PDB file of N, CA and C in Angstrom:
ATOM      1  N   MET A   1      -4.939 -16.257   8.589  1.00  0.00           N
ATOM      2  CA  MET A   1      -4.352 -15.993   7.280  1.00  0.00           C
ATOM      3  C   MET A   1      -4.100 -17.329   6.597  1.00  0.00           C
ATOM      4  N   SER A   2      -4.543 -17.430   5.361  1.00  0.00           N
ATOM      5  CA  SER A   2      -4.292 -18.670   4.631  1.00  0.00           C
ATOM      6  C   SER A   2      -3.293 -18.406   3.518  1.00  0.00           C
ATOM      7  N   PHE A   3      -2.429 -19.384   3.281  1.00  0.00           N
ATOM      8  CA  PHE A   3      -1.410 -19.234   2.245  1.00  0.00           C
ATOM      9  C   PHE A   3      -1.223 -20.570   1.554  1.00  0.00           C
ATOM     10  N   GLN A   4      -1.473 -20.571   0.259  1.00  0.00           N
ATOM     11  CA  GLN A   4      -1.239 -21.764  -0.536  1.00  0.00           C
ATOM     12  C   GLN A   4       0.169 -21.633  -1.110  1.00  0.00           C
ATOM     13  N   GLN A   5       1.009 -22.611  -0.902  1.00  0.00           N
ATOM     14  CA  GLN A   5       2.415 -22.555  -1.303  1.00  0.00           C
ATOM     15  C   GLN A   5       2.602 -22.021  -2.719  1.00  0.00           C
ATOM     16  N   GLY A   6       3.366 -20.941  -2.850  1.00  0.00           N
ATOM     17  CA  GLY A   6       3.706 -20.401  -4.151  1.00  0.00           C
ATOM     18  C   GLY A   6       2.668 -19.494  -4.788  1.00  0.00           C
ATOM     19  N   VAL A   7       1.543 -19.262  -4.134  1.00  0.00           N
ATOM     20  CA  VAL A   7       0.486 -18.438  -4.722  1.00  0.00           C
ATOM     21  C   VAL A   7       0.384 -17.117  -3.977  1.00  0.00           C
ATOM     22  N   ILE A   8       0.621 -16.024  -4.695  1.00  0.00           N
ATOM     23  CA  ILE A   8       0.484 -14.689  -4.120  1.00  0.00           C
ATOM     24  C   ILE A   8      -0.774 -14.077  -4.716  1.00  0.00           C
ATOM     25  N   THR A   9      -1.738 -13.785  -3.870  1.00  0.00           N
ATOM     26  CA  THR A   9      -2.988 -13.205  -4.344  1.00  0.00           C
ATOM     27  C   THR A   9      -3.160 -11.811  -3.750  1.00  0.00           C
ATOM     28  N   GLU A  10      -4.056 -11.064  -4.323  1.00  0.00           N
ATOM     29  CA  GLU A  10      -4.371  -9.740  -3.793  1.00  0.00           C
ATOM     30  C   GLU A  10      -4.901  -9.862  -2.357  1.00  0.00           C
ATOM     31  N   GLY A  11      -5.707 -10.873  -2.110  1.00  0.00           N
ATOM     32  CA  GLY A  11      -6.241 -11.101  -0.768  1.00  0.00           C
ATOM     33  C   GLY A  11      -5.137 -11.367   0.245  1.00  0.00           C
ATOM     34  N   LEU A  12      -4.129 -12.154  -0.142  1.00  0.00           N
ATOM     35  CA  LEU A  12      -2.995 -12.433   0.743  1.00  0.00           C
ATOM     36  C   LEU A  12      -2.228 -11.145   1.040  1.00  0.00           C
ATOM     37  N   ILE A  13      -1.996 -10.328   0.023  1.00  0.00           N
ATOM     38  CA  ILE A  13      -1.278  -9.068   0.216  1.00  0.00           C
ATOM     39  C   ILE A  13      -2.049  -8.156   1.161  1.00  0.00           C
ATOM     40  N   ARG A  14      -3.355  -8.080   0.998  1.00  0.00           N
ATOM     41  CA  ARG A  14      -4.176  -7.234   1.885  1.00  0.00           C
ATOM     42  C   ARG A  14      -4.135  -7.743   3.321  1.00  0.00           C
ATOM     43  N   GLU A  15      -4.154  -9.046   3.494  1.00  0.00           N
ATOM     44  CA  GLU A  15      -4.105  -9.638   4.833  1.00  0.00           C
ATOM     45  C   GLU A  15      -2.758  -9.354   5.504  1.00  0.00           C
ATOM     46  N   ILE A  16      -1.670  -9.488   4.752  1.00  0.00           N
ATOM     47  CA  ILE A  16      -0.344  -9.178   5.281  1.00  0.00           C
ATOM     48  C   ILE A  16      -0.281  -7.708   5.660  1.00  0.00           C
ATOM     49  N   HIS A  17      -0.773  -6.835   4.785  1.00  0.00           N
ATOM     50  CA  HIS A  17      -0.787  -5.400   5.055  1.00  0.00           C
ATOM     51  C   HIS A  17      -1.554  -5.106   6.339  1.00  0.00           C
ATOM     52  N   LYS A  18      -2.685  -5.754   6.498  1.00  0.00           N
ATOM     53  CA  LYS A  18      -3.512  -5.552   7.688  1.00  0.00           C
ATOM     54  C   LYS A  18      -2.719  -5.846   8.963  1.00  0.00           C
ATOM     55  N   HIS A  19      -1.979  -6.938   8.953  1.00  0.00           N
ATOM     56  CA  HIS A  19      -1.189  -7.317  10.131  1.00  0.00           C
ATOM     57  C   HIS A  19       0.019  -6.398  10.336  1.00  0.00           C
ATOM     58  N   LEU A  20       0.619  -5.944   9.253  1.00  0.00           N
ATOM     59  CA  LEU A  20       1.811  -5.096   9.362  1.00  0.00           C
ATOM     60  C   LEU A  20       1.511  -3.699   9.899  1.00  0.00           C
ATOM     61  N   VAL A  21       0.401  -3.108   9.510  1.00  0.00           N
ATOM     62  CA  VAL A  21       0.150  -1.712   9.890  1.00  0.00           C
ATOM     63  C   VAL A  21      -0.817  -1.536  11.050  1.00  0.00           C
ATOM     64  N   GLU A  22      -1.379  -2.625  11.536  1.00  0.00           N
ATOM     65  CA  GLU A  22      -2.315  -2.522  12.649  1.00  0.00           C
ATOM     66  C   GLU A  22      -1.643  -1.831  13.836  1.00  0.00           C
ATOM     67  N   GLY A  23      -2.203  -0.687  14.236  1.00  0.00           N
ATOM     68  CA  GLY A  23      -1.716   0.029  15.403  1.00  0.00           C
ATOM     69  C   GLY A  23      -0.469   0.868  15.216  1.00  0.00           C
ATOM     70  N   VAL A  24       0.036   1.018  13.983  1.00  0.00           N
ATOM     71  CA  VAL A  24       1.278   1.780  13.805  1.00  0.00           C
ATOM     72  C   VAL A  24       1.132   3.065  13.001  1.00  0.00           C
ATOM     73  N   ARG A  25      -0.003   3.290  12.345  1.00  0.00           N
ATOM     74  CA  ARG A  25      -0.133   4.500  11.530  1.00  0.00           C
ATOM     75  C   ARG A  25      -1.154   5.483  12.087  1.00  0.00           C
ATOM     76  N   GLY A  26      -1.455   5.394  13.341  1.00  0.00           N
ATOM     77  CA  GLY A  26      -2.386   6.342  13.929  1.00  0.00           C
ATOM     78  C   GLY A  26      -3.814   6.121  13.481  1.00  0.00           C
ATOM     79  N   ASN A  27      -4.639   7.131  13.675  1.00  0.00           N
ATOM     80  CA  ASN A  27      -6.067   7.007  13.380  1.00  0.00           C
ATOM     81  C   ASN A  27      -6.392   6.991  11.891  1.00  0.00           C
ATOM     82  N   SER A  28      -5.437   7.382  11.045  1.00  0.00           N
ATOM     83  CA  SER A  28      -5.710   7.428   9.610  1.00  0.00           C
ATOM     84  C   SER A  28      -5.508   6.070   8.935  1.00  0.00           C
ATOM     85  N   ALA A  29      -4.984   5.089   9.656  1.00  0.00           N
ATOM     86  CA  ALA A  29      -4.705   3.780   9.065  1.00  0.00           C
ATOM     87  C   ALA A  29      -5.997   3.026   8.771  1.00  0.00           C
ATOM     88  N   GLN A  30      -5.978   2.311   7.688  1.00  0.00           N
ATOM     89  CA  GLN A  30      -7.077   1.423   7.332  1.00  0.00           C
ATOM     90  C   GLN A  30      -6.460   0.088   6.945  1.00  0.00           C
ATOM     91  N   PRO A  31      -6.064  -0.699   7.943  1.00  0.00           N
ATOM     92  CA  PRO A  31      -5.364  -1.958   7.660  1.00  0.00           C
ATOM     93  C   PRO A  31      -6.101  -2.839   6.662  1.00  0.00           C
ATOM     94  N   GLY A  32      -5.356  -3.318   5.662  1.00  0.00           N
ATOM     95  CA  GLY A  32      -5.922  -4.200   4.656  1.00  0.00           C
ATOM     96  C   GLY A  32      -6.682  -3.504   3.552  1.00  0.00           C
ATOM     97  N   ARG A  33      -6.707  -2.179   3.572  1.00  0.00           N
ATOM     98  CA  ARG A  33      -7.435  -1.425   2.536  1.00  0.00           C
ATOM     99  C   ARG A  33      -6.458  -0.558   1.756  1.00  0.00           C
ATOM    100  N   TYR A  34      -6.800  -0.283   0.522  1.00  0.00           N
ATOM    101  CA  TYR A  34      -5.961   0.573  -0.309  1.00  0.00           C
ATOM    102  C   TYR A  34      -6.114   2.033   0.095  1.00  0.00           C
ATOM    103  N   ARG A  35      -5.072   2.795  -0.142  1.00  0.00           N
ATOM    104  CA  ARG A  35      -5.147   4.239   0.077  1.00  0.00           C
ATOM    105  C   ARG A  35      -6.138   4.840  -0.912  1.00  0.00           C
ATOM    106  N   THR A  36      -6.753   5.931  -0.488  1.00  0.00           N
ATOM    107  CA  THR A  36      -7.677   6.613  -1.393  1.00  0.00           C
ATOM    108  C   THR A  36      -7.100   7.936  -1.885  1.00  0.00           C
ATOM    109  N   ILE A  37      -5.918   8.295  -1.405  1.00  0.00           N
ATOM    110  CA  ILE A  37      -5.251   9.513  -1.852  1.00  0.00           C
ATOM    111  C   ILE A  37      -3.876   9.158  -2.408  1.00  0.00           C
ATOM    112  N   GLN A  38      -3.379   9.988  -3.289  1.00  0.00           N
ATOM    113  CA  GLN A  38      -2.079   9.776  -3.913  1.00  0.00           C
ATOM    114  C   GLN A  38      -0.957  10.166  -2.951  1.00  0.00           C
ATOM    115  N   ASN A  39       0.075   9.352  -2.873  1.00  0.00           N
ATOM    116  CA  ASN A  39       1.283   9.692  -2.119  1.00  0.00           C
ATOM    117  C   ASN A  39       2.191  10.535  -2.991  1.00  0.00           C
ATOM    118  N   TYR A  40       3.098  11.252  -2.348  1.00  0.00           N
ATOM    119  CA  TYR A  40       4.118  11.993  -3.077  1.00  0.00           C
ATOM    120  C   TYR A  40       5.261  12.322  -2.125  1.00  0.00           C
ATOM    121  N   VAL A  41       6.401  12.680  -2.704  1.00  0.00           N
ATOM    122  CA  VAL A  41       7.560  13.109  -1.926  1.00  0.00           C
ATOM    123  C   VAL A  41       7.797  14.561  -2.286  1.00  0.00           C
ATOM    124  N   ALA A  42       7.920  15.423  -1.257  1.00  0.00           N
ATOM    125  CA  ALA A  42       8.112  16.859  -1.497  1.00  0.00           C
ATOM    126  C   ALA A  42       9.373  17.346  -0.796  1.00  0.00           C
ATOM    127  N   ASN A  43       9.972  18.378  -1.379  1.00  0.00           N
ATOM    128  CA  ASN A  43      11.108  19.056  -0.764  1.00  0.00           C
ATOM    129  C   ASN A  43      10.611  19.708   0.521  1.00  0.00           C
ATOM    130  N   SER A  44      11.264  19.443   1.644  1.00  0.00           N
ATOM    131  CA  SER A  44      10.777  19.944   2.931  1.00  0.00           C
ATOM    132  C   SER A  44      10.876  21.462   3.063  1.00  0.00           C
ATOM    133  N   LYS A  45      11.755  22.084   2.298  1.00  0.00           N
ATOM    134  CA  LYS A  45      11.894  23.550   2.385  1.00  0.00           C
ATOM    135  C   LYS A  45      10.968  24.268   1.408  1.00  0.00           C
ATOM    136  N   THR A  46      10.939  23.809   0.163  1.00  0.00           N
ATOM    137  CA  THR A  46      10.167  24.517  -0.864  1.00  0.00           C
ATOM    138  C   THR A  46       8.761  23.951  -1.047  1.00  0.00           C
ATOM    139  N   LYS A  47       8.534  22.772  -0.511  1.00  0.00           N
ATOM    140  CA  LYS A  47       7.259  22.052  -0.665  1.00  0.00           C
ATOM    141  C   LYS A  47       7.008  21.608  -2.102  1.00  0.00           C
ATOM    142  N   GLU A  48       8.014  21.747  -2.954  1.00  0.00           N
ATOM    143  CA  GLU A  48       7.886  21.306  -4.341  1.00  0.00           C
ATOM    144  C   GLU A  48       7.814  19.780  -4.377  1.00  0.00           C
ATOM    145  N   VAL A  49       6.852  19.246  -5.109  1.00  0.00           N
ATOM    146  CA  VAL A  49       6.735  17.806  -5.263  1.00  0.00           C
ATOM    147  C   VAL A  49       7.865  17.339  -6.173  1.00  0.00           C
ATOM    148  N   ILE A  50       8.688  16.417  -5.656  1.00  0.00           N
ATOM    149  CA  ILE A  50       9.833  15.951  -6.431  1.00  0.00           C
ATOM    150  C   ILE A  50       9.656  14.520  -6.953  1.00  0.00           C
ATOM    151  N   TYR A  51       8.651  13.830  -6.435  1.00  0.00           N
ATOM    152  CA  TYR A  51       8.383  12.479  -6.918  1.00  0.00           C
ATOM    153  C   TYR A  51       6.939  12.108  -6.614  1.00  0.00           C
ATOM    154  N   THR A  52       6.258  11.604  -7.617  1.00  0.00           N
ATOM    155  CA  THR A  52       4.896  11.096  -7.445  1.00  0.00           C
ATOM    156  C   THR A  52       4.882   9.672  -7.977  1.00  0.00           C
ATOM    157  N   PRO A  53       4.735   8.687  -7.088  1.00  0.00           N
ATOM    158  CA  PRO A  53       4.743   7.298  -7.554  1.00  0.00           C
ATOM    159  C   PRO A  53       3.460   6.929  -8.270  1.00  0.00           C
ATOM    160  N   ARG A  54       3.537   5.882  -9.075  1.00  0.00           N
ATOM    161  CA  ARG A  54       2.336   5.347  -9.716  1.00  0.00           C
ATOM    162  C   ARG A  54       1.431   4.783  -8.639  1.00  0.00           C
ATOM    163  N   GLN A  55       0.200   4.524  -8.991  1.00  0.00           N
ATOM    164  CA  GLN A  55      -0.722   3.885  -8.064  1.00  0.00           C
ATOM    165  C   GLN A  55      -0.203   2.468  -7.811  1.00  0.00           C
ATOM    166  N   PRO A  56       0.444   2.225  -6.668  1.00  0.00           N
ATOM    167  CA  PRO A  56       1.169   0.972  -6.460  1.00  0.00           C
ATOM    168  C   PRO A  56       0.324  -0.296  -6.466  1.00  0.00           C
ATOM    169  N   MET A  57      -0.802  -0.326  -5.791  1.00  0.00           N
ATOM    170  CA  MET A  57      -1.554  -1.567  -5.729  1.00  0.00           C
ATOM    171  C   MET A  57      -2.207  -1.902  -7.065  1.00  0.00           C
ATOM    172  N   MET A  58      -2.600  -0.892  -7.812  1.00  0.00           N
ATOM    173  CA  MET A  58      -3.157  -1.168  -9.127  1.00  0.00           C
ATOM    174  C   MET A  58      -2.082  -1.826  -9.993  1.00  0.00           C
ATOM    175  N   SER A  59      -0.860  -1.306  -9.955  1.00  0.00           N
ATOM    176  CA  SER A  59       0.221  -1.871 -10.741  1.00  0.00           C
ATOM    177  C   SER A  59       0.523  -3.292 -10.292  1.00  0.00           C
ATOM    178  N   LEU A  60       0.564  -3.522  -8.977  1.00  0.00           N
ATOM    179  CA  LEU A  60       0.842  -4.839  -8.456  1.00  0.00           C
ATOM    180  C   LEU A  60      -0.262  -5.822  -8.836  1.00  0.00           C
ATOM    181  N   SER A  61      -1.505  -5.391  -8.741  1.00  0.00           N
ATOM    182  CA  SER A  61      -2.614  -6.265  -9.110  1.00  0.00           C
ATOM    183  C   SER A  61      -2.535  -6.674 -10.575  1.00  0.00           C
ATOM    184  N   LEU A  62      -2.162  -5.739 -11.429  1.00  0.00           N
ATOM    185  CA  LEU A  62      -2.027  -6.059 -12.858  1.00  0.00           C
ATOM    186  C   LEU A  62      -0.873  -7.025 -13.082  1.00  0.00           C
ATOM    187  N   TRP A  63       0.226  -6.823 -12.345  1.00  0.00           N
ATOM    188  CA  TRP A  63       1.399  -7.679 -12.476  1.00  0.00           C
ATOM    189  C   TRP A  63       1.090  -9.107 -12.024  1.00  0.00           C
ATOM    190  N   LEU A  64       0.300  -9.230 -10.965  1.00  0.00           N
ATOM    191  CA  LEU A  64      -0.020 -10.552 -10.430  1.00  0.00           C
ATOM    192  C   LEU A  64      -0.942 -11.347 -11.345  1.00  0.00           C
ATOM    193  N   SER A  65      -1.755 -10.657 -12.143  1.00  0.00           N
ATOM    194  CA  SER A  65      -2.732 -11.392 -12.959  1.00  0.00           C
ATOM    195  C   SER A  65      -2.182 -11.821 -14.285  1.00  0.00           C
TER     196      SER A  65
END
């Protein structure tokens, strides 16, 4: 992993993600890669979706540039 002091890049974030999730999310994990499905939070009893976050990495990538 390379890190230039004070510079946060998309590549650095992906590399950190790769190291953080390696071996902890089961067979569905793709360390260092973006999700291809939308996350959401649902009520466990009614299954009603109560929160749908924005596409996080797209927002972060725009913020970084």
